[in-house]
Amino acid sequence: MAHQGSCMCGAVAFTIDGDIATGNACHCTSCRKQSGHYWASIDVPRTALAIQDADHIRWYQSSEKVRRGFCDTCGSTLFWDPVFQDWTSVAIGALDSPTQMRLSLHIYVSEKGDYYDIADGLPQNET
């Protein structure tokens, strides 16, 4: 099954070829600062991700191991890309609905913001 997604303005669109059953929510400080809250994403094999108009993606190298991709027109956060892996995290919010998926895990909850609670009953990893 193929899933479609895009940034807010439509300058960047992408297709994920395959199933996307579950995602995770990262509460680390970097993800919160980048997204404005926590980062909800799905990990997709790079071979299953096709990006149209990739020339509109700007990459920010947030660490030695990770770069973060966003639209250069509207600023939508789209990708978290561990450069030494064979997968990319894709923002769940950028997927066209319905996604038919659920979150399965919260990570880096030791860094979560103090302005919200996690009360959905999902597993929570400190890191």
PDB file of N, CA and C in Angstrom:
ATOM      1  N   MET A   1       0.843  -1.178   0.000  1.00  0.00           N
ATOM      2  CA  MET A   1       0.000   0.000   0.000  1.00  0.00           C
ATOM      3  C   MET A   1       0.888   1.242   0.000  1.00  0.00           C
ATOM      4  N   ALA A   2       0.536   2.232  -0.777  1.00  0.00           N
ATOM      5  CA  ALA A   2       1.281   3.483  -0.833  1.00  0.00           C
ATOM      6  C   ALA A   2       0.576   4.542  -0.006  1.00  0.00           C
ATOM      7  N   HIS A   3       1.374   5.364   0.663  1.00  0.00           N
ATOM      8  CA  HIS A   3       0.856   6.464   1.481  1.00  0.00           C
ATOM      9  C   HIS A   3       1.456   7.757   0.966  1.00  0.00           C
ATOM     10  N   GLN A   4       0.624   8.783   0.884  1.00  0.00           N
ATOM     11  CA  GLN A   4       1.039  10.083   0.376  1.00  0.00           C
ATOM     12  C   GLN A   4       1.190  11.070   1.528  1.00  0.00           C
ATOM     13  N   GLY A   5       2.032  12.054   1.318  1.00  0.00           N
ATOM     14  CA  GLY A   5       2.190  13.121   2.289  1.00  0.00           C
ATOM     15  C   GLY A   5       2.813  14.335   1.634  1.00  0.00           C
ATOM     16  N   SER A   6       2.816  15.439   2.371  1.00  0.00           N
ATOM     17  CA  SER A   6       3.402  16.667   1.839  1.00  0.00           C
ATOM     18  C   SER A   6       3.617  17.665   2.966  1.00  0.00           C
ATOM     19  N   CYS A   7       4.318  18.732   2.617  1.00  0.00           N
ATOM     20  CA  CYS A   7       4.448  19.850   3.551  1.00  0.00           C
ATOM     21  C   CYS A   7       3.160  20.672   3.501  1.00  0.00           C
ATOM     22  N   MET A   8       3.080  21.715   4.306  1.00  0.00           N
ATOM     23  CA  MET A   8       1.868  22.527   4.393  1.00  0.00           C
ATOM     24  C   MET A   8       1.551  23.245   3.071  1.00  0.00           C
ATOM     25  N   CYS A   9       2.575  23.752   2.380  1.00  0.00           N
ATOM     26  CA  CYS A   9       2.315  24.503   1.155  1.00  0.00           C
ATOM     27  C   CYS A   9       2.273  23.633  -0.098  1.00  0.00           C
ATOM     28  N   GLY A  10       2.705  22.383   0.015  1.00  0.00           N
ATOM     29  CA  GLY A  10       2.685  21.469  -1.120  1.00  0.00           C
ATOM     30  C   GLY A  10       3.940  21.507  -1.984  1.00  0.00           C
ATOM     31  N   ALA A  11       4.936  22.307  -1.613  1.00  0.00           N
ATOM     32  CA  ALA A  11       6.173  22.365  -2.402  1.00  0.00           C
ATOM     33  C   ALA A  11       6.941  21.046  -2.352  1.00  0.00           C
ATOM     34  N   VAL A  12       6.822  20.306  -1.244  1.00  0.00           N
ATOM     35  CA  VAL A  12       7.454  18.993  -1.111  1.00  0.00           C
ATOM     36  C   VAL A  12       6.363  17.960  -0.916  1.00  0.00           C
ATOM     37  N   ALA A  13       6.367  16.943  -1.731  1.00  0.00           N
ATOM     38  CA  ALA A  13       5.435  15.825  -1.580  1.00  0.00           C
ATOM     39  C   ALA A  13       6.256  14.547  -1.535  1.00  0.00           C
ATOM     40  N   PHE A  14       5.684  13.517  -0.925  1.00  0.00           N
ATOM     41  CA  PHE A  14       6.395  12.244  -0.842  1.00  0.00           C
ATOM     42  C   PHE A  14       5.408  11.098  -0.847  1.00  0.00           C
ATOM     43  N   THR A  15       5.927   9.926  -1.192  1.00  0.00           N
ATOM     44  CA  THR A  15       5.161   8.687  -1.190  1.00  0.00           C
ATOM     45  C   THR A  15       5.952   7.656  -0.395  1.00  0.00           C
ATOM     46  N   ILE A  16       5.252   6.928   0.456  1.00  0.00           N
ATOM     47  CA  ILE A  16       5.836   5.810   1.185  1.00  0.00           C
ATOM     48  C   ILE A  16       5.218   4.546   0.620  1.00  0.00           C
ATOM     49  N   ASP A  17       6.045   3.668   0.127  1.00  0.00           N
ATOM     50  CA  ASP A  17       5.573   2.414  -0.438  1.00  0.00           C
ATOM     51  C   ASP A  17       5.681   1.331   0.625  1.00  0.00           C
ATOM     52  N   GLY A  18       4.539   0.894   1.147  1.00  0.00           N
ATOM     53  CA  GLY A  18       4.532  -0.148   2.163  1.00  0.00           C
ATOM     54  C   GLY A  18       3.622   0.197   3.323  1.00  0.00           C
ATOM     55  N   ASP A  19       3.556  -0.710   4.268  1.00  0.00           N
ATOM     56  CA  ASP A  19       2.696  -0.530   5.431  1.00  0.00           C
ATOM     57  C   ASP A  19       3.338   0.419   6.435  1.00  0.00           C
ATOM     58  N   ILE A  20       2.492   1.182   7.116  1.00  0.00           N
ATOM     59  CA  ILE A  20       2.930   2.077   8.188  1.00  0.00           C
ATOM     60  C   ILE A  20       1.970   1.892   9.361  1.00  0.00           C
ATOM     61  N   ALA A  21       2.238   0.915  10.166  1.00  0.00           N
ATOM     62  CA  ALA A  21       1.296   0.551  11.220  1.00  0.00           C
ATOM     63  C   ALA A  21       1.460   1.363  12.494  1.00  0.00           C
ATOM     64  N   THR A  22       2.703   1.614  12.926  1.00  0.00           N
ATOM     65  CA  THR A  22       2.909   2.302  14.200  1.00  0.00           C
ATOM     66  C   THR A  22       4.026   3.327  14.095  1.00  0.00           C
ATOM     67  N   GLY A  23       3.962   4.305  14.964  1.00  0.00           N
ATOM     68  CA  GLY A  23       4.987   5.329  15.031  1.00  0.00           C
ATOM     69  C   GLY A  23       5.373   5.574  16.474  1.00  0.00           C
ATOM     70  N   ASN A  24       6.270   6.527  16.670  1.00  0.00           N
ATOM     71  CA  ASN A  24       6.650   6.864  18.034  1.00  0.00           C
ATOM     72  C   ASN A  24       6.653   8.372  18.224  1.00  0.00           C
ATOM     73  N   ALA A  25       6.683   8.770  19.470  1.00  0.00           N
ATOM     74  CA  ALA A  25       6.713  10.181  19.829  1.00  0.00           C
ATOM     75  C   ALA A  25       8.000  10.451  20.589  1.00  0.00           C
ATOM     76  N   CYS A  26       8.823  11.345  20.074  1.00  0.00           N
ATOM     77  CA  CYS A  26      10.086  11.683  20.721  1.00  0.00           C
ATOM     78  C   CYS A  26       9.921  12.995  21.475  1.00  0.00           C
ATOM     79  N   HIS A  27      10.278  12.982  22.752  1.00  0.00           N
ATOM     80  CA  HIS A  27      10.120  14.144  23.625  1.00  0.00           C
ATOM     81  C   HIS A  27      11.449  14.821  23.945  1.00  0.00           C
ATOM     82  N   CYS A  28      12.521  14.482  23.200  1.00  0.00           N
ATOM     83  CA  CYS A  28      13.828  15.081  23.497  1.00  0.00           C
ATOM     84  C   CYS A  28      13.786  16.586  23.225  1.00  0.00           C
ATOM     85  N   THR A  29      14.699  17.287  23.837  1.00  0.00           N
ATOM     86  CA  THR A  29      14.743  18.739  23.712  1.00  0.00           C
ATOM     87  C   THR A  29      14.888  19.185  22.263  1.00  0.00           C
ATOM     88  N   SER A  30      15.753  18.529  21.494  1.00  0.00           N
ATOM     89  CA  SER A  30      15.951  18.923  20.089  1.00  0.00           C
ATOM     90  C   SER A  30      14.676  18.757  19.268  1.00  0.00           C
ATOM     91  N   CYS A  31      13.995  17.637  19.427  1.00  0.00           N
ATOM     92  CA  CYS A  31      12.757  17.412  18.673  1.00  0.00           C
ATOM     93  C   CYS A  31      11.669  18.400  19.087  1.00  0.00           C
ATOM     94  N   ARG A  32      11.594  18.692  20.394  1.00  0.00           N
ATOM     95  CA  ARG A  32      10.591  19.659  20.844  1.00  0.00           C
ATOM     96  C   ARG A  32      10.879  21.048  20.279  1.00  0.00           C
ATOM     97  N   LYS A  33      12.140  21.449  20.267  1.00  0.00           N
ATOM     98  CA  LYS A  33      12.479  22.770  19.728  1.00  0.00           C
ATOM     99  C   LYS A  33      12.233  22.846  18.228  1.00  0.00           C
ATOM    100  N   GLN A  34      12.515  21.763  17.524  1.00  0.00           N
ATOM    101  CA  GLN A  34      12.306  21.771  16.078  1.00  0.00           C
ATOM    102  C   GLN A  34      10.826  21.777  15.723  1.00  0.00           C
ATOM    103  N   SER A  35      10.038  20.971  16.410  1.00  0.00           N
ATOM    104  CA  SER A  35       8.639  20.794  16.010  1.00  0.00           C
ATOM    105  C   SER A  35       7.666  21.704  16.755  1.00  0.00           C
ATOM    106  N   GLY A  36       8.089  22.247  17.882  1.00  0.00           N
ATOM    107  CA  GLY A  36       7.191  23.074  18.682  1.00  0.00           C
ATOM    108  C   GLY A  36       6.442  22.282  19.739  1.00  0.00           C
ATOM    109  N   HIS A  37       6.590  21.004  19.755  1.00  0.00           N
ATOM    110  CA  HIS A  37       5.974  20.111  20.751  1.00  0.00           C
ATOM    111  C   HIS A  37       6.798  18.826  20.707  1.00  0.00           C
ATOM    112  N   TYR A  38       6.200  17.674  20.823  1.00  0.00           N
ATOM    113  CA  TYR A  38       7.000  16.467  20.617  1.00  0.00           C
ATOM    114  C   TYR A  38       6.923  16.066  19.155  1.00  0.00           C
ATOM    115  N   TRP A  39       7.893  15.274  18.715  1.00  0.00           N
ATOM    116  CA  TRP A  39       8.007  14.852  17.321  1.00  0.00           C
ATOM    117  C   TRP A  39       7.379  13.469  17.169  1.00  0.00           C
ATOM    118  N   ALA A  40       6.317  13.368  16.399  1.00  0.00           N
ATOM    119  CA  ALA A  40       5.652  12.093  16.129  1.00  0.00           C
ATOM    120  C   ALA A  40       6.041  11.651  14.722  1.00  0.00           C
ATOM    121  N   SER A  41       6.585  10.437  14.620  1.00  0.00           N
ATOM    122  CA  SER A  41       7.106  10.005  13.323  1.00  0.00           C
ATOM    123  C   SER A  41       7.010   8.493  13.140  1.00  0.00           C
ATOM    124  N   ILE A  42       7.237   8.104  11.911  1.00  0.00           N
ATOM    125  CA  ILE A  42       7.349   6.692  11.555  1.00  0.00           C
ATOM    126  C   ILE A  42       8.703   6.489  10.897  1.00  0.00           C
ATOM    127  N   ASP A  43       9.314   5.354  11.156  1.00  0.00           N
ATOM    128  CA  ASP A  43      10.590   5.011  10.540  1.00  0.00           C
ATOM    129  C   ASP A  43      10.310   4.255   9.245  1.00  0.00           C
ATOM    130  N   VAL A  44      10.873   4.759   8.159  1.00  0.00           N
ATOM    131  CA  VAL A  44      10.602   4.223   6.830  1.00  0.00           C
ATOM    132  C   VAL A  44      11.925   3.840   6.170  1.00  0.00           C
ATOM    133  N   PRO A  45      12.024   2.640   5.605  1.00  0.00           N
ATOM    134  CA  PRO A  45      13.235   2.318   4.851  1.00  0.00           C
ATOM    135  C   PRO A  45      13.438   3.344   3.734  1.00  0.00           C
ATOM    136  N   ARG A  46      14.656   3.791   3.550  1.00  0.00           N
ATOM    137  CA  ARG A  46      14.921   4.805   2.513  1.00  0.00           C
ATOM    138  C   ARG A  46      14.474   4.328   1.134  1.00  0.00           C
ATOM    139  N   THR A  47      14.551   3.038   0.903  1.00  0.00           N
ATOM    140  CA  THR A  47      14.140   2.495  -0.394  1.00  0.00           C
ATOM    141  C   THR A  47      12.632   2.590  -0.601  1.00  0.00           C
ATOM    142  N   ALA A  48      11.867   2.785   0.477  1.00  0.00           N
ATOM    143  CA  ALA A  48      10.409   2.884   0.377  1.00  0.00           C
ATOM    144  C   ALA A  48       9.912   4.326   0.332  1.00  0.00           C
ATOM    145  N   LEU A  49      10.833   5.283   0.449  1.00  0.00           N
ATOM    146  CA  LEU A  49      10.466   6.698   0.490  1.00  0.00           C
ATOM    147  C   LEU A  49      10.863   7.382  -0.810  1.00  0.00           C
ATOM    148  N   ALA A  50       9.871   7.904  -1.519  1.00  0.00           N
ATOM    149  CA  ALA A  50      10.121   8.657  -2.752  1.00  0.00           C
ATOM    150  C   ALA A  50       9.702  10.104  -2.510  1.00  0.00           C
ATOM    151  N   ILE A  51      10.643  11.022  -2.687  1.00  0.00           N
ATOM    152  CA  ILE A  51      10.367  12.441  -2.436  1.00  0.00           C
ATOM    153  C   ILE A  51      10.296  13.168  -3.767  1.00  0.00           C
ATOM    154  N   GLN A  52       9.174  13.865  -3.989  1.00  0.00           N
ATOM    155  CA  GLN A  52       9.026  14.690  -5.169  1.00  0.00           C
ATOM    156  C   GLN A  52       9.430  16.125  -4.786  1.00  0.00           C
ATOM    157  N   ASP A  53      10.037  16.816  -5.699  1.00  0.00           N
ATOM    158  CA  ASP A  53      10.487  18.198  -5.473  1.00  0.00           C
ATOM    159  C   ASP A  53      11.432  18.294  -4.291  1.00  0.00           C
ATOM    160  N   ALA A  54      12.377  17.358  -4.220  1.00  0.00           N
ATOM    161  CA  ALA A  54      13.344  17.325  -3.124  1.00  0.00           C
ATOM    162  C   ALA A  54      14.235  18.565  -3.103  1.00  0.00           C
ATOM    163  N   ASP A  55      14.276  19.332  -4.199  1.00  0.00           N
ATOM    164  CA  ASP A  55      15.082  20.547  -4.211  1.00  0.00           C
ATOM    165  C   ASP A  55      14.510  21.611  -3.270  1.00  0.00           C
ATOM    166  N   HIS A  56      13.284  21.417  -2.785  1.00  0.00           N
ATOM    167  CA  HIS A  56      12.684  22.338  -1.808  1.00  0.00           C
ATOM    168  C   HIS A  56      12.968  21.917  -0.364  1.00  0.00           C
ATOM    169  N   ILE A  57      13.691  20.823  -0.176  1.00  0.00           N
ATOM    170  CA  ILE A  57      14.036  20.394   1.183  1.00  0.00           C
ATOM    171  C   ILE A  57      15.353  21.040   1.577  1.00  0.00           C
ATOM    172  N   ARG A  58      15.382  21.583   2.767  1.00  0.00           N
ATOM    173  CA  ARG A  58      16.616  22.087   3.364  1.00  0.00           C
ATOM    174  C   ARG A  58      16.964  21.164   4.514  1.00  0.00           C
ATOM    175  N   TRP A  59      18.230  20.852   4.633  1.00  0.00           N
ATOM    176  CA  TRP A  59      18.698  19.936   5.663  1.00  0.00           C
ATOM    177  C   TRP A  59      19.503  20.698   6.697  1.00  0.00           C
ATOM    178  N   TYR A  60      19.180  20.454   7.953  1.00  0.00           N
ATOM    179  CA  TYR A  60      19.927  21.014   9.066  1.00  0.00           C
ATOM    180  C   TYR A  60      20.656  19.868   9.753  1.00  0.00           C
ATOM    181  N   GLN A  61      21.972  19.921   9.797  1.00  0.00           N
ATOM    182  CA  GLN A  61      22.778  18.882  10.445  1.00  0.00           C
ATOM    183  C   GLN A  61      22.764  19.171  11.942  1.00  0.00           C
ATOM    184  N   SER A  62      21.839  18.526  12.675  1.00  0.00           N
ATOM    185  CA  SER A  62      21.654  18.827  14.094  1.00  0.00           C
ATOM    186  C   SER A  62      22.657  18.117  14.991  1.00  0.00           C
ATOM    187  N   SER A  63      23.347  17.126  14.464  1.00  0.00           N
ATOM    188  CA  SER A  63      24.421  16.447  15.194  1.00  0.00           C
ATOM    189  C   SER A  63      25.288  15.730  14.167  1.00  0.00           C
ATOM    190  N   GLU A  64      26.340  15.104  14.638  1.00  0.00           N
ATOM    191  CA  GLU A  64      27.218  14.359  13.745  1.00  0.00           C
ATOM    192  C   GLU A  64      26.482  13.224  13.039  1.00  0.00           C
ATOM    193  N   LYS A  65      25.455  12.690  13.693  1.00  0.00           N
ATOM    194  CA  LYS A  65      24.768  11.501  13.191  1.00  0.00           C
ATOM    195  C   LYS A  65      23.404  11.762  12.574  1.00  0.00           C
ATOM    196  N   VAL A  66      22.855  12.956  12.733  1.00  0.00           N
ATOM    197  CA  VAL A  66      21.466  13.205  12.317  1.00  0.00           C
ATOM    198  C   VAL A  66      21.349  14.533  11.573  1.00  0.00           C
ATOM    199  N   ARG A  67      20.525  14.499  10.527  1.00  0.00           N
ATOM    200  CA  ARG A  67      20.114  15.735   9.860  1.00  0.00           C
ATOM    201  C   ARG A  67      18.598  15.784   9.861  1.00  0.00           C
ATOM    202  N   ARG A  68      18.067  16.988   9.820  1.00  0.00           N
ATOM    203  CA  ARG A  68      16.616  17.192   9.884  1.00  0.00           C
ATOM    204  C   ARG A  68      16.188  17.961   8.637  1.00  0.00           C
ATOM    205  N   GLY A  69      15.143  17.463   7.977  1.00  0.00           N
ATOM    206  CA  GLY A  69      14.706  18.063   6.728  1.00  0.00           C
ATOM    207  C   GLY A  69      13.411  18.832   6.877  1.00  0.00           C
ATOM    208  N   PHE A  70      13.363  20.013   6.246  1.00  0.00           N
ATOM    209  CA  PHE A  70      12.162  20.840   6.283  1.00  0.00           C
ATOM    210  C   PHE A  70      11.973  21.525   4.940  1.00  0.00           C
ATOM    211  N   CYS A  71      10.761  21.970   4.673  1.00  0.00           N
ATOM    212  CA  CYS A  71      10.440  22.661   3.430  1.00  0.00           C
ATOM    213  C   CYS A  71      11.038  24.069   3.469  1.00  0.00           C
ATOM    214  N   ASP A  72      11.710  24.458   2.384  1.00  0.00           N
ATOM    215  CA  ASP A  72      12.317  25.787   2.345  1.00  0.00           C
ATOM    216  C   ASP A  72      11.307  26.893   2.063  1.00  0.00           C
ATOM    217  N   THR A  73      10.080  26.529   1.732  1.00  0.00           N
ATOM    218  CA  THR A  73       9.065  27.537   1.457  1.00  0.00           C
ATOM    219  C   THR A  73       8.190  27.813   2.679  1.00  0.00           C
ATOM    220  N   CYS A  74       7.606  26.763   3.255  1.00  0.00           N
ATOM    221  CA  CYS A  74       6.678  26.958   4.380  1.00  0.00           C
ATOM    222  C   CYS A  74       7.272  26.596   5.737  1.00  0.00           C
ATOM    223  N   GLY A  75       8.433  25.945   5.747  1.00  0.00           N
ATOM    224  CA  GLY A  75       9.094  25.589   6.999  1.00  0.00           C
ATOM    225  C   GLY A  75       8.604  24.320   7.654  1.00  0.00           C
ATOM    226  N   SER A  76       7.707  23.583   7.018  1.00  0.00           N
ATOM    227  CA  SER A  76       7.192  22.348   7.612  1.00  0.00           C
ATOM    228  C   SER A  76       8.314  21.366   7.903  1.00  0.00           C
ATOM    229  N   THR A  77       8.329  20.842   9.122  1.00  0.00           N
ATOM    230  CA  THR A  77       9.276  19.810   9.512  1.00  0.00           C
ATOM    231  C   THR A  77       8.805  18.485   8.936  1.00  0.00           C
ATOM    232  N   LEU A  78       9.652  17.809   8.170  1.00  0.00           N
ATOM    233  CA  LEU A  78       9.230  16.603   7.468  1.00  0.00           C
ATOM    234  C   LEU A  78      10.027  15.353   7.805  1.00  0.00           C
ATOM    235  N   PHE A  79      11.351  15.482   7.966  1.00  0.00           N
ATOM    236  CA  PHE A  79      12.196  14.297   8.076  1.00  0.00           C
ATOM    237  C   PHE A  79      13.229  14.431   9.198  1.00  0.00           C
ATOM    238  N   TRP A  80      13.504  13.318   9.821  1.00  0.00           N
ATOM    239  CA  TRP A  80      14.606  13.158  10.773  1.00  0.00           C
ATOM    240  C   TRP A  80      15.424  12.025  10.196  1.00  0.00           C
ATOM    241  N   ASP A  81      16.649  12.318   9.781  1.00  0.00           N
ATOM    242  CA  ASP A  81      17.416  11.389   8.966  1.00  0.00           C
ATOM    243  C   ASP A  81      18.731  11.019   9.635  1.00  0.00           C
ATOM    244  N   PRO A  82      18.830   9.809  10.209  1.00  0.00           N
ATOM    245  CA  PRO A  82      20.095   9.349  10.770  1.00  0.00           C
ATOM    246  C   PRO A  82      21.020   8.922   9.628  1.00  0.00           C
ATOM    247  N   VAL A  83      22.038   9.715   9.379  1.00  0.00           N
ATOM    248  CA  VAL A  83      22.839   9.562   8.161  1.00  0.00           C
ATOM    249  C   VAL A  83      23.573   8.230   8.042  1.00  0.00           C
ATOM    250  N   PHE A  84      23.752   7.511   9.140  1.00  0.00           N
ATOM    251  CA  PHE A  84      24.474   6.232   9.079  1.00  0.00           C
ATOM    252  C   PHE A  84      23.522   5.031   9.135  1.00  0.00           C
ATOM    253  N   GLN A  85      22.248   5.253   8.899  1.00  0.00           N
ATOM    254  CA  GLN A  85      21.252   4.181   8.908  1.00  0.00           C
ATOM    255  C   GLN A  85      20.645   4.049   7.517  1.00  0.00           C
ATOM    256  N   ASP A  86      19.788   3.046   7.336  1.00  0.00           N
ATOM    257  CA  ASP A  86      19.142   2.843   6.035  1.00  0.00           C
ATOM    258  C   ASP A  86      17.659   3.194   6.087  1.00  0.00           C
ATOM    259  N   TRP A  87      17.280   4.055   7.028  1.00  0.00           N
ATOM    260  CA  TRP A  87      15.891   4.479   7.170  1.00  0.00           C
ATOM    261  C   TRP A  87      15.846   5.968   7.486  1.00  0.00           C
ATOM    262  N   THR A  88      14.661   6.547   7.332  1.00  0.00           N
ATOM    263  CA  THR A  88      14.399   7.947   7.638  1.00  0.00           C
ATOM    264  C   THR A  88      13.101   8.020   8.424  1.00  0.00           C
ATOM    265  N   SER A  89      13.056   8.885   9.422  1.00  0.00           N
ATOM    266  CA  SER A  89      11.800   9.126  10.142  1.00  0.00           C
ATOM    267  C   SER A  89      11.021  10.201   9.399  1.00  0.00           C
ATOM    268  N   VAL A  90       9.736   9.943   9.217  1.00  0.00           N
ATOM    269  CA  VAL A  90       8.856  10.855   8.496  1.00  0.00           C
ATOM    270  C   VAL A  90       7.796  11.372   9.471  1.00  0.00           C
ATOM    271  N   ALA A  91       7.542  12.659   9.434  1.00  0.00           N
ATOM    272  CA  ALA A  91       6.547  13.267  10.316  1.00  0.00           C
ATOM    273  C   ALA A  91       5.160  12.685  10.047  1.00  0.00           C
ATOM    274  N   ILE A  92       4.548  12.146  11.087  1.00  0.00           N
ATOM    275  CA  ILE A  92       3.201  11.581  10.939  1.00  0.00           C
ATOM    276  C   ILE A  92       2.206  12.656  10.513  1.00  0.00           C
ATOM    277  N   GLY A  93       2.364  13.856  11.048  1.00  0.00           N
ATOM    278  CA  GLY A  93       1.449  14.945  10.716  1.00  0.00           C
ATOM    279  C   GLY A  93       1.500  15.374   9.266  1.00  0.00           C
ATOM    280  N   ALA A  94       2.553  15.009   8.534  1.00  0.00           N
ATOM    281  CA  ALA A  94       2.657  15.363   7.123  1.00  0.00           C
ATOM    282  C   ALA A  94       1.963  14.352   6.211  1.00  0.00           C
ATOM    283  N   LEU A  95       1.516  13.226   6.788  1.00  0.00           N
ATOM    284  CA  LEU A  95       0.826  12.206   5.989  1.00  0.00           C
ATOM    285  C   LEU A  95      -0.606  12.629   5.699  1.00  0.00           C
ATOM    286  N   ASP A  96      -1.075  12.301   4.507  1.00  0.00           N
ATOM    287  CA  ASP A  96      -2.480  12.536   4.171  1.00  0.00           C
ATOM    288  C   ASP A  96      -3.345  11.554   4.943  1.00  0.00           C
ATOM    289  N   SER A  97      -4.474  12.011   5.403  1.00  0.00           N
ATOM    290  CA  SER A  97      -5.404  11.157   6.165  1.00  0.00           C
ATOM    291  C   SER A  97      -6.308  10.404   5.212  1.00  0.00           C
ATOM    292  N   PRO A  98      -6.835   9.295   5.641  1.00  0.00           N
ATOM    293  CA  PRO A  98      -6.592   8.643   6.918  1.00  0.00           C
ATOM    294  C   PRO A  98      -5.314   7.805   6.868  1.00  0.00           C
ATOM    295  N   THR A  99      -4.588   7.771   7.984  1.00  0.00           N
ATOM    296  CA  THR A  99      -3.345   7.009   8.032  1.00  0.00           C
ATOM    297  C   THR A  99      -3.578   5.575   8.487  1.00  0.00           C
ATOM    298  N   GLN A 100      -4.636   5.348   9.278  1.00  0.00           N
ATOM    299  CA  GLN A 100      -4.939   4.015   9.813  1.00  0.00           C
ATOM    300  C   GLN A 100      -3.806   3.506  10.702  1.00  0.00           C
ATOM    301  N   MET A 101      -3.077   4.410  11.336  1.00  0.00           N
ATOM    302  CA  MET A 101      -1.976   3.997  12.194  1.00  0.00           C
ATOM    303  C   MET A 101      -2.135   4.568  13.592  1.00  0.00           C
ATOM    304  N   ARG A 102      -1.309   4.076  14.507  1.00  0.00           N
ATOM    305  CA  ARG A 102      -1.335   4.513  15.902  1.00  0.00           C
ATOM    306  C   ARG A 102       0.093   4.694  16.393  1.00  0.00           C
ATOM    307  N   LEU A 103       0.263   5.538  17.386  1.00  0.00           N
ATOM    308  CA  LEU A 103       1.546   5.601  18.087  1.00  0.00           C
ATOM    309  C   LEU A 103       1.704   4.339  18.913  1.00  0.00           C
ATOM    310  N   SER A 104       2.940   3.908  19.105  1.00  0.00           N
ATOM    311  CA  SER A 104       3.174   2.709  19.902  1.00  0.00           C
ATOM    312  C   SER A 104       4.111   2.944  21.078  1.00  0.00           C
ATOM    313  N   LEU A 105       4.795   4.101  21.116  1.00  0.00           N
ATOM    314  CA  LEU A 105       5.857   4.288  22.090  1.00  0.00           C
ATOM    315  C   LEU A 105       6.199   5.765  22.229  1.00  0.00           C
ATOM    316  N   HIS A 106       6.566   6.157  23.451  1.00  0.00           N
ATOM    317  CA  HIS A 106       7.121   7.493  23.720  1.00  0.00           C
ATOM    318  C   HIS A 106       8.590   7.304  24.074  1.00  0.00           C
ATOM    319  N   ILE A 107       9.474   8.122  23.471  1.00  0.00           N
ATOM    320  CA  ILE A 107      10.904   8.024  23.764  1.00  0.00           C
ATOM    321  C   ILE A 107      11.430   9.364  24.282  1.00  0.00           C
ATOM    322  N   TYR A 108      12.539   9.299  24.992  1.00  0.00           N
ATOM    323  CA  TYR A 108      13.182  10.454  25.608  1.00  0.00           C
ATOM    324  C   TYR A 108      12.227  11.227  26.515  1.00  0.00           C
ATOM    325  N   VAL A 109      11.407  10.496  27.244  1.00  0.00           N
ATOM    326  CA  VAL A 109      10.461  11.162  28.148  1.00  0.00           C
ATOM    327  C   VAL A 109      11.177  11.847  29.307  1.00  0.00           C
ATOM    328  N   SER A 110      12.441  11.505  29.564  1.00  0.00           N
ATOM    329  CA  SER A 110      13.203  12.196  30.605  1.00  0.00           C
ATOM    330  C   SER A 110      13.438  13.664  30.241  1.00  0.00           C
ATOM    331  N   GLU A 111      13.277  14.022  28.954  1.00  0.00           N
ATOM    332  CA  GLU A 111      13.471  15.398  28.498  1.00  0.00           C
ATOM    333  C   GLU A 111      12.160  16.096  28.129  1.00  0.00           C
ATOM    334  N   LYS A 112      11.023  15.468  28.403  1.00  0.00           N
ATOM    335  CA  LYS A 112       9.744  16.039  27.967  1.00  0.00           C
ATOM    336  C   LYS A 112       9.493  17.402  28.603  1.00  0.00           C
ATOM    337  N   GLY A 113       8.690  18.186  27.955  1.00  0.00           N
ATOM    338  CA  GLY A 113       8.340  19.498  28.478  1.00  0.00           C
ATOM    339  C   GLY A 113       7.525  19.375  29.760  1.00  0.00           C
ATOM    340  N   ASP A 114       7.618  20.375  30.603  1.00  0.00           N
ATOM    341  CA  ASP A 114       6.873  20.352  31.867  1.00  0.00           C
ATOM    342  C   ASP A 114       5.440  20.858  31.717  1.00  0.00           C
ATOM    343  N   TYR A 115       5.044  21.237  30.528  1.00  0.00           N
ATOM    344  CA  TYR A 115       3.727  21.823  30.292  1.00  0.00           C
ATOM    345  C   TYR A 115       2.671  20.816  29.846  1.00  0.00           C
ATOM    346  N   TYR A 116       3.028  19.533  29.774  1.00  0.00           N
ATOM    347  CA  TYR A 116       2.050  18.524  29.365  1.00  0.00           C
ATOM    348  C   TYR A 116       2.310  17.204  30.074  1.00  0.00           C
ATOM    349  N   ASP A 117       1.279  16.364  30.077  1.00  0.00           N
ATOM    350  CA  ASP A 117       1.368  15.019  30.634  1.00  0.00           C
ATOM    351  C   ASP A 117       1.214  14.002  29.510  1.00  0.00           C
ATOM    352  N   ILE A 118       1.815  12.846  29.713  1.00  0.00           N
ATOM    353  CA  ILE A 118       1.632  11.728  28.780  1.00  0.00           C
ATOM    354  C   ILE A 118       0.689  10.760  29.474  1.00  0.00           C
ATOM    355  N   ALA A 119      -0.515  10.674  28.984  1.00  0.00           N
ATOM    356  CA  ALA A 119      -1.531   9.882  29.687  1.00  0.00           C
ATOM    357  C   ALA A 119      -2.251   8.900  28.773  1.00  0.00           C
ATOM    358  N   ASP A 120      -1.594   8.478  27.681  1.00  0.00           N
ATOM    359  CA  ASP A 120      -2.275   7.587  26.740  1.00  0.00           C
ATOM    360  C   ASP A 120      -2.047   6.108  27.030  1.00  0.00           C
ATOM    361  N   GLY A 121      -1.253   5.796  28.060  1.00  0.00           N
ATOM    362  CA  GLY A 121      -1.035   4.406  28.439  1.00  0.00           C
ATOM    363  C   GLY A 121      -0.006   3.662  27.619  1.00  0.00           C
ATOM    364  N   LEU A 122       0.634   4.320  26.676  1.00  0.00           N
ATOM    365  CA  LEU A 122       1.667   3.669  25.850  1.00  0.00           C
ATOM    366  C   LEU A 122       2.970   3.553  26.631  1.00  0.00           C
ATOM    367  N   PRO A 123       3.837   2.607  26.253  1.00  0.00           N
ATOM    368  CA  PRO A 123       5.135   2.496  26.903  1.00  0.00           C
ATOM    369  C   PRO A 123       5.919   3.798  26.791  1.00  0.00           C
ATOM    370  N   GLN A 124       6.706   4.085  27.829  1.00  0.00           N
ATOM    371  CA  GLN A 124       7.507   5.298  27.875  1.00  0.00           C
ATOM    372  C   GLN A 124       8.961   4.931  28.187  1.00  0.00           C
ATOM    373  N   ASN A 125       9.855   5.255  27.256  1.00  0.00           N
ATOM    374  CA  ASN A 125      11.284   5.026  27.465  1.00  0.00           C
ATOM    375  C   ASN A 125      11.930   6.326  27.930  1.00  0.00           C
ATOM    376  N   GLU A 126      12.757   6.233  28.931  1.00  0.00           N
ATOM    377  CA  GLU A 126      13.452   7.425  29.424  1.00  0.00           C
ATOM    378  C   GLU A 126      14.364   8.016  28.364  1.00  0.00           C
ATOM    379  N   THR A 127      14.993   7.158  27.539  1.00  0.00           N
ATOM    380  CA  THR A 127      15.874   7.629  26.461  1.00  0.00           C
ATOM    381  C   THR A 127      15.441   7.042  25.137  1.00  0.00           C
TER     382      THR A 127
END
